[in-house]
């Protein structure tokens, strides 16, 4: 479905941004930088989520759960096992914050559309 495609697209965008910033040797693990990245992730997630026809709040929640599943799977396979070889990647507050965004944004978009 289109929502699944967008979930993969969100992961690819995040991966490419982090890869580019790593090449530039920017301090990715600093708290300030992590906050900036989360704000960018929130904007991108909101922009992509707004393109979906979220017909109900439960559909918004379902899309969020699917996005988390897709991103956790891709993070586990490609980053934790392929690049880092370390599962502590998942314990980062920035990564957990990104997962929370993936859940909340479609839910909030759907809630907003169906309470207006």
N, C-alpha and C. Protein backbone atom coordinates (compact mmCIF):
# COMPACT_ATOMS: atom_id res chain seq x y z
N UNK A 1 0.83 -1.19 0.00
CA UNK A 1 0.00 0.00 0.00
C UNK A 1 0.88 1.25 0.00
N UNK A 2 0.25 2.37 -0.22
CA UNK A 2 0.97 3.63 -0.23
C UNK A 2 1.56 3.94 1.15
N UNK A 3 0.85 3.61 2.21
CA UNK A 3 1.36 3.85 3.56
C UNK A 3 2.64 3.05 3.81
N UNK A 4 2.69 1.82 3.33
CA UNK A 4 3.90 1.01 3.47
C UNK A 4 5.07 1.59 2.70
N UNK A 5 4.79 2.05 1.49
CA UNK A 5 5.81 2.70 0.68
C UNK A 5 6.35 3.93 1.40
N UNK A 6 5.46 4.73 1.99
CA UNK A 6 5.89 5.92 2.72
C UNK A 6 6.72 5.54 3.96
N UNK A 7 6.38 4.44 4.60
CA UNK A 7 7.17 3.98 5.74
C UNK A 7 8.60 3.66 5.34
N UNK A 8 8.76 2.99 4.20
CA UNK A 8 10.10 2.69 3.68
C UNK A 8 10.79 4.00 3.26
N UNK A 9 10.04 4.90 2.63
CA UNK A 9 10.61 6.18 2.20
C UNK A 9 11.12 6.98 3.41
N UNK A 10 10.38 6.97 4.51
CA UNK A 10 10.82 7.67 5.71
C UNK A 10 12.14 7.11 6.22
N UNK A 11 12.27 5.78 6.19
CA UNK A 11 13.51 5.16 6.63
C UNK A 11 14.67 5.54 5.70
N UNK A 12 14.43 5.48 4.41
CA UNK A 12 15.49 5.82 3.44
C UNK A 12 15.93 7.27 3.61
N UNK A 13 14.99 8.17 3.78
CA UNK A 13 15.33 9.59 3.98
C UNK A 13 16.20 9.75 5.23
N UNK A 14 15.78 9.13 6.34
CA UNK A 14 16.56 9.23 7.58
C UNK A 14 17.96 8.64 7.39
N UNK A 15 18.04 7.49 6.74
CA UNK A 15 19.32 6.84 6.51
C UNK A 15 20.25 7.73 5.68
N UNK A 16 19.72 8.30 4.60
CA UNK A 16 20.53 9.14 3.73
C UNK A 16 20.99 10.42 4.43
N UNK A 17 20.12 11.03 5.22
CA UNK A 17 20.49 12.24 5.95
C UNK A 17 21.61 11.93 6.95
N UNK A 18 21.45 10.85 7.71
CA UNK A 18 22.48 10.48 8.69
C UNK A 18 23.78 10.11 7.99
N UNK A 19 23.70 9.38 6.87
CA UNK A 19 24.91 9.02 6.12
C UNK A 19 25.63 10.27 5.63
N UNK A 20 24.89 11.22 5.10
CA UNK A 20 25.49 12.46 4.61
C UNK A 20 26.15 13.23 5.75
N UNK A 21 25.44 13.34 6.87
CA UNK A 21 25.98 14.08 8.00
C UNK A 21 27.20 13.37 8.59
N UNK A 22 27.23 12.05 8.53
CA UNK A 22 28.39 11.29 9.01
C UNK A 22 29.60 11.57 8.14
N UNK A 23 29.39 11.62 6.84
CA UNK A 23 30.49 11.92 5.91
C UNK A 23 31.04 13.32 6.19
N UNK A 24 30.17 14.23 6.55
CA UNK A 24 30.60 15.60 6.86
C UNK A 24 31.23 15.71 8.25
N UNK A 25 31.24 14.59 8.97
CA UNK A 25 31.83 14.50 10.31
C UNK A 25 31.19 15.45 11.32
N UNK A 26 29.87 15.56 11.24
CA UNK A 26 29.14 16.38 12.20
C UNK A 26 28.89 15.56 13.46
N UNK A 27 28.75 16.22 14.62
CA UNK A 27 28.60 15.50 15.90
C UNK A 27 27.19 14.90 16.07
N UNK A 28 26.95 13.77 15.43
CA UNK A 28 25.61 13.17 15.42
C UNK A 28 25.12 12.76 16.80
N UNK A 29 26.02 12.45 17.70
CA UNK A 29 25.60 11.96 19.03
C UNK A 29 25.42 13.07 20.06
N UNK A 30 25.64 14.32 19.67
CA UNK A 30 25.44 15.40 20.63
C UNK A 30 23.94 15.63 20.84
N UNK A 31 23.55 15.98 22.06
CA UNK A 31 22.12 16.19 22.34
C UNK A 31 21.48 17.27 21.47
N UNK A 32 22.17 18.36 21.25
CA UNK A 32 21.61 19.45 20.44
C UNK A 32 21.36 18.96 19.02
N UNK A 33 22.33 18.28 18.47
CA UNK A 33 22.21 17.77 17.10
C UNK A 33 21.07 16.76 17.01
N UNK A 34 20.94 15.91 18.02
CA UNK A 34 19.85 14.93 18.04
C UNK A 34 18.49 15.60 18.07
N UNK A 35 18.38 16.69 18.82
CA UNK A 35 17.11 17.43 18.87
C UNK A 35 16.79 18.04 17.51
N UNK A 36 17.80 18.61 16.87
CA UNK A 36 17.59 19.18 15.54
C UNK A 36 17.15 18.10 14.56
N UNK A 37 17.81 16.95 14.61
CA UNK A 37 17.43 15.84 13.72
C UNK A 37 16.00 15.36 14.00
N UNK A 38 15.60 15.33 15.26
CA UNK A 38 14.23 14.93 15.59
C UNK A 38 13.22 15.96 15.06
N UNK A 39 13.55 17.23 15.13
CA UNK A 39 12.66 18.25 14.60
C UNK A 39 12.53 18.12 13.08
N UNK A 40 13.63 17.85 12.42
CA UNK A 40 13.58 17.62 10.97
C UNK A 40 12.76 16.37 10.67
N UNK A 41 12.97 15.31 11.46
CA UNK A 41 12.21 14.08 11.27
C UNK A 41 10.72 14.32 11.48
N UNK A 42 10.37 15.14 12.47
CA UNK A 42 8.97 15.46 12.71
C UNK A 42 8.36 16.17 11.51
N UNK A 43 9.09 17.13 10.94
CA UNK A 43 8.60 17.85 9.78
C UNK A 43 8.41 16.91 8.58
N UNK A 44 9.41 16.08 8.30
CA UNK A 44 9.33 15.16 7.16
C UNK A 44 8.20 14.15 7.37
N UNK A 45 8.09 13.61 8.58
CA UNK A 45 7.04 12.63 8.87
C UNK A 45 5.66 13.26 8.73
N UNK A 46 5.50 14.48 9.22
CA UNK A 46 4.21 15.19 9.12
C UNK A 46 3.88 15.44 7.65
N UNK A 47 4.87 15.89 6.88
CA UNK A 47 4.65 16.20 5.46
C UNK A 47 4.24 14.95 4.69
N UNK A 48 4.91 13.86 4.94
CA UNK A 48 4.57 12.60 4.25
C UNK A 48 3.23 12.06 4.76
N UNK A 49 3.03 12.10 6.06
CA UNK A 49 1.78 11.59 6.63
C UNK A 49 0.56 12.36 6.16
N UNK A 50 0.73 13.65 5.90
CA UNK A 50 -0.38 14.48 5.45
C UNK A 50 -0.86 14.08 4.06
N UNK A 51 -0.04 13.35 3.33
CA UNK A 51 -0.42 12.92 1.98
C UNK A 51 -1.31 11.67 1.99
N UNK A 52 -1.46 11.04 3.16
CA UNK A 52 -2.25 9.81 3.25
C UNK A 52 -3.71 10.12 3.54
N UNK A 53 -4.60 9.34 2.95
CA UNK A 53 -6.03 9.49 3.27
C UNK A 53 -6.36 8.73 4.55
N UNK A 54 -6.09 9.33 5.68
CA UNK A 54 -6.35 8.67 6.97
C UNK A 54 -7.83 8.84 7.30
N UNK A 55 -8.61 7.81 6.99
CA UNK A 55 -10.07 7.91 7.06
C UNK A 55 -10.62 7.76 8.48
N UNK A 56 -9.77 7.34 9.41
CA UNK A 56 -10.21 7.22 10.80
C UNK A 56 -9.01 7.29 11.72
N UNK A 57 -9.29 7.51 12.99
CA UNK A 57 -8.22 7.55 13.99
C UNK A 57 -7.57 6.18 14.10
N UNK A 58 -8.35 5.11 14.03
CA UNK A 58 -7.77 3.77 14.11
C UNK A 58 -6.87 3.50 12.90
N UNK A 59 -7.22 4.03 11.75
CA UNK A 59 -6.36 3.88 10.56
C UNK A 59 -5.05 4.64 10.77
N UNK A 60 -5.13 5.83 11.34
CA UNK A 60 -3.92 6.59 11.64
C UNK A 60 -3.01 5.84 12.61
N UNK A 61 -3.60 5.23 13.62
CA UNK A 61 -2.83 4.44 14.57
C UNK A 61 -2.22 3.22 13.88
N UNK A 62 -2.99 2.58 13.01
CA UNK A 62 -2.49 1.42 12.27
C UNK A 62 -1.32 1.78 11.37
N UNK A 63 -1.40 2.92 10.71
CA UNK A 63 -0.29 3.39 9.86
C UNK A 63 0.94 3.64 10.72
N UNK A 64 0.76 4.25 11.88
CA UNK A 64 1.89 4.49 12.78
C UNK A 64 2.55 3.21 13.24
N UNK A 65 1.75 2.22 13.59
CA UNK A 65 2.30 0.92 14.01
C UNK A 65 3.06 0.28 12.85
N UNK A 66 2.49 0.36 11.64
CA UNK A 66 3.17 -0.20 10.48
C UNK A 66 4.49 0.52 10.22
N UNK A 67 4.49 1.85 10.31
CA UNK A 67 5.72 2.61 10.09
C UNK A 67 6.80 2.23 11.10
N UNK A 68 6.41 2.05 12.36
CA UNK A 68 7.38 1.62 13.37
C UNK A 68 7.92 0.24 13.00
N UNK A 69 7.03 -0.68 12.63
CA UNK A 69 7.47 -2.03 12.26
C UNK A 69 8.46 -2.01 11.12
N UNK A 70 8.16 -1.26 10.07
CA UNK A 70 9.05 -1.17 8.90
C UNK A 70 10.39 -0.58 9.31
N UNK A 71 10.38 0.49 10.09
CA UNK A 71 11.61 1.16 10.48
C UNK A 71 12.45 0.33 11.44
N UNK A 72 11.81 -0.34 12.40
CA UNK A 72 12.55 -1.21 13.32
C UNK A 72 13.19 -2.35 12.55
N UNK A 73 12.44 -2.95 11.63
CA UNK A 73 12.98 -4.05 10.83
C UNK A 73 14.18 -3.60 10.00
N UNK A 74 14.04 -2.48 9.29
CA UNK A 74 15.15 -1.98 8.48
C UNK A 74 16.34 -1.55 9.34
N UNK A 75 16.07 -0.92 10.48
CA UNK A 75 17.15 -0.55 11.39
C UNK A 75 17.88 -1.79 11.90
N UNK A 76 17.12 -2.82 12.26
CA UNK A 76 17.73 -4.05 12.80
C UNK A 76 18.58 -4.74 11.75
N UNK A 77 18.05 -4.89 10.56
CA UNK A 77 18.75 -5.64 9.52
C UNK A 77 19.94 -4.85 8.96
N UNK A 78 19.72 -3.59 8.63
CA UNK A 78 20.75 -2.84 7.91
C UNK A 78 21.71 -2.13 8.86
N UNK A 79 21.19 -1.50 9.89
CA UNK A 79 22.08 -0.72 10.76
C UNK A 79 22.67 -1.59 11.87
N UNK A 80 21.83 -2.24 12.65
CA UNK A 80 22.33 -2.98 13.80
C UNK A 80 23.16 -4.20 13.41
N UNK A 81 22.73 -4.93 12.39
CA UNK A 81 23.47 -6.13 12.00
C UNK A 81 24.45 -5.86 10.87
N UNK A 82 24.14 -4.93 9.99
CA UNK A 82 25.00 -4.68 8.84
C UNK A 82 26.10 -3.68 9.09
N UNK A 83 25.77 -2.54 9.69
CA UNK A 83 26.74 -1.45 9.83
C UNK A 83 27.35 -1.42 11.24
N UNK A 84 26.50 -1.29 12.25
CA UNK A 84 26.98 -1.18 13.63
C UNK A 84 27.34 -2.51 14.26
N UNK A 85 26.60 -3.52 13.91
CA UNK A 85 26.70 -4.84 14.56
C UNK A 85 26.51 -4.71 16.07
N UNK A 86 25.56 -3.89 16.44
CA UNK A 86 25.33 -3.60 17.85
C UNK A 86 23.87 -3.21 18.05
N UNK A 87 23.17 -3.92 18.92
CA UNK A 87 21.75 -3.64 19.15
C UNK A 87 21.53 -2.47 20.13
N UNK A 88 22.59 -1.94 20.73
CA UNK A 88 22.41 -0.80 21.63
C UNK A 88 21.97 0.45 20.87
N UNK A 89 22.08 0.41 19.56
CA UNK A 89 21.57 1.48 18.69
C UNK A 89 20.13 1.80 19.06
N UNK A 90 19.34 0.77 19.39
CA UNK A 90 17.91 0.95 19.68
C UNK A 90 17.68 1.65 21.02
N UNK A 91 18.69 1.74 21.86
CA UNK A 91 18.52 2.35 23.18
C UNK A 91 18.73 3.86 23.16
N UNK A 92 19.12 4.40 22.03
CA UNK A 92 19.33 5.84 21.91
C UNK A 92 17.99 6.57 22.04
N UNK A 93 17.98 7.64 22.83
CA UNK A 93 16.71 8.38 22.98
C UNK A 93 16.30 9.01 21.66
N UNK A 94 17.26 9.33 20.79
CA UNK A 94 16.91 9.92 19.50
C UNK A 94 16.22 8.89 18.60
N UNK A 95 16.68 7.66 18.64
CA UNK A 95 16.05 6.60 17.84
C UNK A 95 14.66 6.30 18.40
N UNK A 96 14.56 6.18 19.71
CA UNK A 96 13.25 5.93 20.32
C UNK A 96 12.30 7.10 20.06
N UNK A 97 12.83 8.31 20.06
CA UNK A 97 12.01 9.49 19.74
C UNK A 97 11.50 9.45 18.31
N UNK A 98 12.35 8.99 17.40
CA UNK A 98 11.91 8.88 16.00
C UNK A 98 10.80 7.84 15.87
N UNK A 99 10.93 6.73 16.58
CA UNK A 99 9.87 5.72 16.54
C UNK A 99 8.56 6.29 17.10
N UNK A 100 8.67 7.07 18.16
CA UNK A 100 7.48 7.69 18.74
C UNK A 100 6.82 8.64 17.74
N UNK A 101 7.63 9.40 17.01
CA UNK A 101 7.09 10.27 15.96
C UNK A 101 6.35 9.47 14.90
N UNK A 102 6.92 8.33 14.52
CA UNK A 102 6.29 7.50 13.49
C UNK A 102 4.92 7.01 13.93
N UNK A 103 4.75 6.81 15.22
CA UNK A 103 3.46 6.37 15.75
C UNK A 103 2.50 7.55 15.90
N UNK A 104 2.99 8.64 16.47
CA UNK A 104 2.10 9.75 16.83
C UNK A 104 1.65 10.60 15.65
N UNK A 105 2.51 10.82 14.68
CA UNK A 105 2.16 11.75 13.60
C UNK A 105 0.92 11.29 12.83
N UNK A 106 0.86 10.04 12.32
CA UNK A 106 -0.35 9.66 11.60
C UNK A 106 -1.59 9.64 12.50
N UNK A 107 -1.39 9.26 13.76
CA UNK A 107 -2.50 9.27 14.72
C UNK A 107 -3.02 10.69 14.92
N UNK A 108 -2.11 11.65 15.12
CA UNK A 108 -2.52 13.04 15.32
C UNK A 108 -3.15 13.64 14.07
N UNK A 109 -2.58 13.30 12.90
CA UNK A 109 -3.19 13.79 11.65
C UNK A 109 -4.61 13.27 11.50
N UNK A 110 -4.82 12.00 11.77
CA UNK A 110 -6.16 11.42 11.67
C UNK A 110 -7.09 12.03 12.71
N UNK A 111 -6.60 12.20 13.93
CA UNK A 111 -7.42 12.79 14.99
C UNK A 111 -7.85 14.20 14.62
N UNK A 112 -6.92 14.94 14.07
CA UNK A 112 -7.20 16.34 13.68
C UNK A 112 -8.26 16.40 12.57
N UNK A 113 -8.16 15.49 11.63
CA UNK A 113 -9.12 15.49 10.52
C UNK A 113 -10.51 15.09 10.95
N UNK A 114 -10.61 14.26 11.97
CA UNK A 114 -11.91 13.72 12.35
C UNK A 114 -12.52 14.41 13.56
N UNK A 115 -11.86 15.46 14.05
CA UNK A 115 -12.47 16.26 15.12
C UNK A 115 -12.81 17.66 14.62
N UNK A 116 -12.32 17.99 13.43
CA UNK A 116 -12.57 19.33 12.88
C UNK A 116 -13.95 19.43 12.28
